[in-house]
Amino acid sequence: RFDKLEADMDRLKRECDQSLNSQNEEHMKKLRVIAQNTEKKEKKLNAALAGAKEEANDTERIFTEILDQQEEEYELELLQLMTRAEDKLHHEHGNIKKIRGIVQSVNSRRDQLFR
């Protein structure tokens, strides 16, 4: 009877060990699949991140180019406006000199007429 119990216990132990080994192998396979999927996802996310960084750099470069171009255009426009204003100012100074000359001439003639 003791031999039979011992044999049954050995058999149960072997069955348990086999079951545990089988479960362990199954869990290890699942873990490998999960690890592979995780690695694939990580690669996809890293690629997406790299793409987003590249896009951000391109966008920043384009924005900077546009901003620089606009700044140049505004500076050119400002220079043109200042040049026009200076030209107009010189023209007005010329007109003022002419008017002063006319006024002086009129005053001189008037003074001559009243003398």
N, C-alpha and C. Protein backbone atom coordinates (compact mmCIF):
# COMPACT_ATOMS: atom_id res chain seq x y z
N ARG A 1 0.82 -1.19 0.00
CA ARG A 1 0.00 0.00 0.00
C ARG A 1 0.87 1.26 0.00
N PHE A 2 1.91 1.32 0.78
CA PHE A 2 2.80 2.46 0.82
C PHE A 2 3.48 2.65 -0.53
N ASP A 3 3.85 1.54 -1.16
CA ASP A 3 4.49 1.60 -2.47
C ASP A 3 3.54 2.18 -3.51
N LYS A 4 2.28 1.81 -3.41
CA LYS A 4 1.29 2.32 -4.35
C LYS A 4 1.10 3.82 -4.13
N LEU A 5 1.03 4.27 -2.90
CA LEU A 5 0.89 5.71 -2.60
C LEU A 5 2.11 6.47 -3.11
N GLU A 6 3.28 5.87 -2.88
CA GLU A 6 4.49 6.53 -3.34
C GLU A 6 4.50 6.63 -4.86
N ALA A 7 4.09 5.57 -5.53
CA ALA A 7 4.03 5.56 -6.99
C ALA A 7 3.01 6.58 -7.47
N ASP A 8 1.85 6.63 -6.80
CA ASP A 8 0.83 7.62 -7.18
C ASP A 8 1.35 9.05 -6.97
N MET A 9 2.07 9.24 -5.87
CA MET A 9 2.62 10.57 -5.60
C MET A 9 3.67 10.95 -6.64
N ASP A 10 4.52 9.98 -7.02
CA ASP A 10 5.52 10.24 -8.06
C ASP A 10 4.85 10.57 -9.38
N ARG A 11 3.80 9.81 -9.70
CA ARG A 11 3.06 10.05 -10.93
C ARG A 11 2.41 11.43 -10.90
N LEU A 12 1.79 11.79 -9.79
CA LEU A 12 1.16 13.11 -9.65
C LEU A 12 2.22 14.22 -9.72
N LYS A 13 3.38 13.94 -9.11
CA LYS A 13 4.44 14.94 -9.16
C LYS A 13 4.91 15.15 -10.59
N ARG A 14 5.08 14.03 -11.34
CA ARG A 14 5.50 14.15 -12.74
C ARG A 14 4.44 14.88 -13.56
N GLU A 15 3.19 14.55 -13.32
CA GLU A 15 2.10 15.22 -14.04
C GLU A 15 2.08 16.72 -13.72
N CYS A 16 2.26 17.04 -12.45
CA CYS A 16 2.31 18.46 -12.04
C CYS A 16 3.49 19.15 -12.68
N ASP A 17 4.65 18.49 -12.64
CA ASP A 17 5.85 19.07 -13.25
C ASP A 17 5.63 19.28 -14.75
N GLN A 18 5.03 18.29 -15.42
CA GLN A 18 4.76 18.42 -16.85
C GLN A 18 3.78 19.56 -17.10
N SER A 19 2.75 19.60 -16.27
CA SER A 19 1.76 20.67 -16.42
C SER A 19 2.40 22.03 -16.19
N LEU A 20 3.22 22.15 -15.15
CA LEU A 20 3.90 23.41 -14.87
C LEU A 20 4.86 23.78 -16.01
N ASN A 21 5.60 22.79 -16.50
CA ASN A 21 6.52 23.04 -17.62
C ASN A 21 5.75 23.48 -18.87
N SER A 22 4.65 22.81 -19.12
CA SER A 22 3.80 23.15 -20.27
C SER A 22 3.25 24.57 -20.13
N GLN A 23 2.74 24.88 -18.94
CA GLN A 23 2.22 26.23 -18.69
C GLN A 23 3.34 27.26 -18.80
N ASN A 24 4.51 26.91 -18.27
CA ASN A 24 5.65 27.82 -18.33
C ASN A 24 6.03 28.10 -19.78
N GLU A 25 6.09 27.05 -20.60
CA GLU A 25 6.41 27.23 -22.02
C GLU A 25 5.36 28.08 -22.71
N GLU A 26 4.10 27.81 -22.40
CA GLU A 26 3.00 28.58 -22.99
C GLU A 26 3.10 30.06 -22.60
N HIS A 27 3.37 30.30 -21.31
CA HIS A 27 3.51 31.68 -20.85
C HIS A 27 4.72 32.36 -21.48
N MET A 28 5.81 31.63 -21.64
CA MET A 28 7.01 32.19 -22.27
C MET A 28 6.72 32.54 -23.73
N LYS A 29 5.97 31.69 -24.44
CA LYS A 29 5.60 32.00 -25.83
C LYS A 29 4.75 33.27 -25.87
N LYS A 30 3.79 33.35 -24.96
CA LYS A 30 2.94 34.55 -24.90
C LYS A 30 3.77 35.79 -24.60
N LEU A 31 4.72 35.65 -23.68
CA LEU A 31 5.59 36.78 -23.35
C LEU A 31 6.43 37.20 -24.55
N ARG A 32 6.95 36.21 -25.32
CA ARG A 32 7.73 36.55 -26.51
C ARG A 32 6.86 37.29 -27.53
N VAL A 33 5.62 36.82 -27.71
CA VAL A 33 4.70 37.48 -28.65
C VAL A 33 4.42 38.91 -28.17
N ILE A 34 4.16 39.05 -26.89
CA ILE A 34 3.90 40.39 -26.33
C ILE A 34 5.12 41.28 -26.51
N ALA A 35 6.30 40.73 -26.25
CA ALA A 35 7.55 41.51 -26.39
C ALA A 35 7.75 41.92 -27.84
N GLN A 36 7.47 41.00 -28.78
CA GLN A 36 7.62 41.32 -30.20
C GLN A 36 6.62 42.41 -30.61
N ASN A 37 5.38 42.26 -30.17
CA ASN A 37 4.38 43.28 -30.50
C ASN A 37 4.75 44.64 -29.90
N THR A 38 5.24 44.59 -28.68
CA THR A 38 5.66 45.83 -28.03
C THR A 38 6.81 46.48 -28.79
N GLU A 39 7.75 45.66 -29.22
CA GLU A 39 8.88 46.18 -29.99
C GLU A 39 8.42 46.78 -31.31
N LYS A 40 7.48 46.11 -31.98
CA LYS A 40 6.93 46.64 -33.24
C LYS A 40 6.24 47.98 -32.99
N LYS A 41 5.44 48.05 -31.93
CA LYS A 41 4.75 49.30 -31.61
C LYS A 41 5.75 50.40 -31.29
N GLU A 42 6.79 50.03 -30.53
CA GLU A 42 7.81 51.02 -30.18
C GLU A 42 8.50 51.55 -31.43
N LYS A 43 8.81 50.66 -32.39
CA LYS A 43 9.44 51.09 -33.63
C LYS A 43 8.51 52.03 -34.41
N LYS A 44 7.21 51.66 -34.46
CA LYS A 44 6.24 52.52 -35.16
C LYS A 44 6.16 53.90 -34.50
N LEU A 45 6.09 53.89 -33.16
CA LEU A 45 6.00 55.16 -32.44
C LEU A 45 7.27 56.00 -32.62
N ASN A 46 8.43 55.33 -32.59
CA ASN A 46 9.69 56.06 -32.80
C ASN A 46 9.75 56.64 -34.21
N ALA A 47 9.26 55.88 -35.19
CA ALA A 47 9.23 56.38 -36.57
C ALA A 47 8.27 57.56 -36.66
N ALA A 48 7.11 57.44 -36.02
CA ALA A 48 6.14 58.54 -36.04
C ALA A 48 6.72 59.77 -35.34
N LEU A 49 7.41 59.56 -34.24
CA LEU A 49 8.04 60.66 -33.51
C LEU A 49 9.12 61.33 -34.37
N ALA A 50 9.93 60.51 -35.02
CA ALA A 50 10.97 61.06 -35.89
C ALA A 50 10.33 61.86 -37.03
N GLY A 51 9.25 61.33 -37.58
CA GLY A 51 8.54 62.05 -38.64
C GLY A 51 7.97 63.37 -38.14
N ALA A 52 7.40 63.33 -36.95
CA ALA A 52 6.83 64.55 -36.37
C ALA A 52 7.92 65.58 -36.09
N LYS A 53 9.07 65.11 -35.59
CA LYS A 53 10.19 66.03 -35.34
C LYS A 53 10.69 66.64 -36.65
N GLU A 54 10.80 65.81 -37.67
CA GLU A 54 11.26 66.30 -38.98
C GLU A 54 10.26 67.31 -39.54
N GLU A 55 8.98 66.99 -39.41
CA GLU A 55 7.94 67.90 -39.89
C GLU A 55 7.99 69.22 -39.11
N ALA A 56 8.20 69.13 -37.81
CA ALA A 56 8.30 70.35 -36.99
C ALA A 56 9.51 71.18 -37.40
N ASN A 57 10.63 70.52 -37.67
CA ASN A 57 11.82 71.24 -38.12
C ASN A 57 11.58 71.90 -39.47
N ASP A 58 10.94 71.16 -40.39
CA ASP A 58 10.61 71.72 -41.70
C ASP A 58 9.67 72.91 -41.56
N THR A 59 8.67 72.76 -40.71
CA THR A 59 7.71 73.83 -40.50
C THR A 59 8.40 75.06 -39.91
N GLU A 60 9.28 74.83 -38.96
CA GLU A 60 10.01 75.95 -38.35
C GLU A 60 10.90 76.64 -39.38
N ARG A 61 11.57 75.83 -40.22
CA ARG A 61 12.44 76.40 -41.26
C ARG A 61 11.62 77.23 -42.24
N ILE A 62 10.49 76.69 -42.67
CA ILE A 62 9.62 77.40 -43.60
C ILE A 62 9.08 78.67 -42.95
N PHE A 63 8.65 78.56 -41.71
CA PHE A 63 8.14 79.72 -40.99
C PHE A 63 9.21 80.81 -40.90
N THR A 64 10.43 80.40 -40.58
CA THR A 64 11.53 81.35 -40.47
C THR A 64 11.81 82.01 -41.83
N GLU A 65 11.78 81.21 -42.90
CA GLU A 65 11.99 81.77 -44.24
C GLU A 65 10.91 82.78 -44.58
N ILE A 66 9.67 82.42 -44.30
CA ILE A 66 8.55 83.33 -44.59
C ILE A 66 8.67 84.60 -43.76
N LEU A 67 8.99 84.43 -42.49
CA LEU A 67 9.14 85.59 -41.60
C LEU A 67 10.27 86.50 -42.09
N ASP A 68 11.40 85.90 -42.46
CA ASP A 68 12.52 86.69 -42.98
C ASP A 68 12.13 87.42 -44.26
N GLN A 69 11.42 86.71 -45.14
CA GLN A 69 10.98 87.31 -46.40
C GLN A 69 10.02 88.48 -46.13
N GLN A 70 9.08 88.28 -45.22
CA GLN A 70 8.15 89.35 -44.89
C GLN A 70 8.89 90.54 -44.27
N GLU A 71 9.86 90.24 -43.43
CA GLU A 71 10.63 91.31 -42.80
C GLU A 71 11.37 92.12 -43.87
N GLU A 72 11.97 91.42 -44.85
CA GLU A 72 12.65 92.11 -45.94
C GLU A 72 11.66 92.96 -46.74
N GLU A 73 10.48 92.38 -47.03
CA GLU A 73 9.48 93.13 -47.79
C GLU A 73 9.03 94.36 -47.02
N TYR A 74 8.80 94.22 -45.72
CA TYR A 74 8.37 95.35 -44.91
C TYR A 74 9.46 96.42 -44.84
N GLU A 75 10.71 95.97 -44.70
CA GLU A 75 11.81 96.93 -44.66
C GLU A 75 11.92 97.67 -45.99
N LEU A 76 11.76 96.94 -47.10
CA LEU A 76 11.81 97.56 -48.42
C LEU A 76 10.66 98.55 -48.58
N GLU A 77 9.47 98.13 -48.15
CA GLU A 77 8.30 99.01 -48.23
C GLU A 77 8.51 100.25 -47.36
N LEU A 78 9.05 100.05 -46.17
CA LEU A 78 9.32 101.18 -45.28
C LEU A 78 10.34 102.12 -45.92
N LEU A 79 11.37 101.57 -46.52
CA LEU A 79 12.38 102.38 -47.19
C LEU A 79 11.75 103.17 -48.34
N GLN A 80 10.88 102.51 -49.10
CA GLN A 80 10.21 103.20 -50.21
C GLN A 80 9.31 104.32 -49.67
N LEU A 81 8.58 104.04 -48.60
CA LEU A 81 7.72 105.07 -48.02
C LEU A 81 8.54 106.25 -47.50
N MET A 82 9.66 105.93 -46.85
CA MET A 82 10.51 107.00 -46.34
C MET A 82 11.09 107.82 -47.49
N THR A 83 11.50 107.15 -48.55
CA THR A 83 12.05 107.84 -49.72
C THR A 83 10.99 108.75 -50.32
N ARG A 84 9.75 108.22 -50.48
CA ARG A 84 8.65 109.04 -51.01
C ARG A 84 8.37 110.24 -50.11
N ALA A 85 8.38 110.00 -48.80
CA ALA A 85 8.11 111.08 -47.85
C ALA A 85 9.22 112.14 -47.93
N GLU A 86 10.46 111.69 -48.04
CA GLU A 86 11.57 112.64 -48.16
C GLU A 86 11.46 113.43 -49.46
N ASP A 87 11.13 112.73 -50.55
CA ASP A 87 10.95 113.41 -51.84
C ASP A 87 9.83 114.44 -51.74
N LYS A 88 8.73 114.04 -51.13
CA LYS A 88 7.60 114.96 -50.96
C LYS A 88 8.01 116.15 -50.09
N LEU A 89 8.76 115.87 -49.04
CA LEU A 89 9.24 116.93 -48.16
C LEU A 89 10.14 117.90 -48.92
N HIS A 90 11.05 117.37 -49.73
CA HIS A 90 11.93 118.23 -50.54
C HIS A 90 11.10 119.05 -51.53
N HIS A 91 10.12 118.39 -52.13
CA HIS A 91 9.22 119.10 -53.06
C HIS A 91 8.49 120.23 -52.34
N GLU A 92 7.98 119.93 -51.15
CA GLU A 92 7.27 120.95 -50.37
C GLU A 92 8.20 122.10 -49.96
N HIS A 93 9.45 121.76 -49.61
CA HIS A 93 10.43 122.80 -49.29
C HIS A 93 10.66 123.70 -50.51
N GLY A 94 10.73 123.04 -51.69
CA GLY A 94 10.88 123.81 -52.93
C GLY A 94 9.69 124.74 -53.14
N ASN A 95 8.48 124.20 -52.91
CA ASN A 95 7.27 125.01 -53.07
C ASN A 95 7.27 126.18 -52.07
N ILE A 96 7.70 125.88 -50.83
CA ILE A 96 7.74 126.94 -49.81
C ILE A 96 8.72 128.02 -50.23
N LYS A 97 9.88 127.63 -50.77
CA LYS A 97 10.87 128.63 -51.22
C LYS A 97 10.27 129.47 -52.34
N LYS A 98 9.56 128.82 -53.27
CA LYS A 98 8.94 129.56 -54.38
C LYS A 98 7.91 130.54 -53.84
N ILE A 99 7.08 130.04 -52.91
CA ILE A 99 6.02 130.90 -52.34
C ILE A 99 6.65 132.06 -51.57
N ARG A 100 7.72 131.78 -50.81
CA ARG A 100 8.40 132.85 -50.07
C ARG A 100 8.97 133.89 -51.06
N GLY A 101 9.52 133.36 -52.15
CA GLY A 101 10.05 134.26 -53.17
C GLY A 101 8.95 135.12 -53.75
N ILE A 102 7.80 134.50 -54.04
CA ILE A 102 6.67 135.24 -54.59
C ILE A 102 6.17 136.26 -53.57
N VAL A 103 6.04 135.83 -52.30
CA VAL A 103 5.57 136.74 -51.25
C VAL A 103 6.55 137.90 -51.10
N GLN A 104 7.84 137.60 -51.11
CA GLN A 104 8.84 138.65 -50.98
C GLN A 104 8.76 139.61 -52.18
N SER A 105 8.57 139.03 -53.35
CA SER A 105 8.47 139.86 -54.54
C SER A 105 7.22 140.73 -54.48
N VAL A 106 6.09 140.15 -54.02
CA VAL A 106 4.85 140.92 -53.90
C VAL A 106 5.03 142.02 -52.86
N ASN A 107 5.65 141.67 -51.74
CA ASN A 107 5.89 142.67 -50.68
C ASN A 107 6.80 143.78 -51.19
N SER A 108 7.79 143.43 -51.95
CA SER A 108 8.70 144.45 -52.50
C SER A 108 7.95 145.36 -53.46
N ARG A 109 7.15 144.82 -54.32
CA ARG A 109 6.39 145.63 -55.27
C ARG A 109 5.39 146.51 -54.54
N ARG A 110 4.79 145.92 -53.51
CA ARG A 110 3.83 146.70 -52.74
C ARG A 110 4.53 147.86 -52.06
N ASP A 111 5.69 147.52 -51.45
CA ASP A 111 6.44 148.57 -50.80
C ASP A 111 6.84 149.65 -51.81
N GLN A 112 7.21 149.26 -52.99
CA GLN A 112 7.59 150.23 -54.03
C GLN A 112 6.38 151.07 -54.44
N LEU A 113 5.24 150.45 -54.51
CA LEU A 113 4.03 151.18 -54.91
C LEU A 113 3.61 152.18 -53.85
N PHE A 114 3.82 151.86 -52.61
CA PHE A 114 3.40 152.76 -51.54
C PHE A 114 4.43 153.83 -51.27
N ARG A 115 5.56 153.80 -51.84
CA ARG A 115 6.59 154.81 -51.57
C ARG A 115 6.47 155.96 -52.46
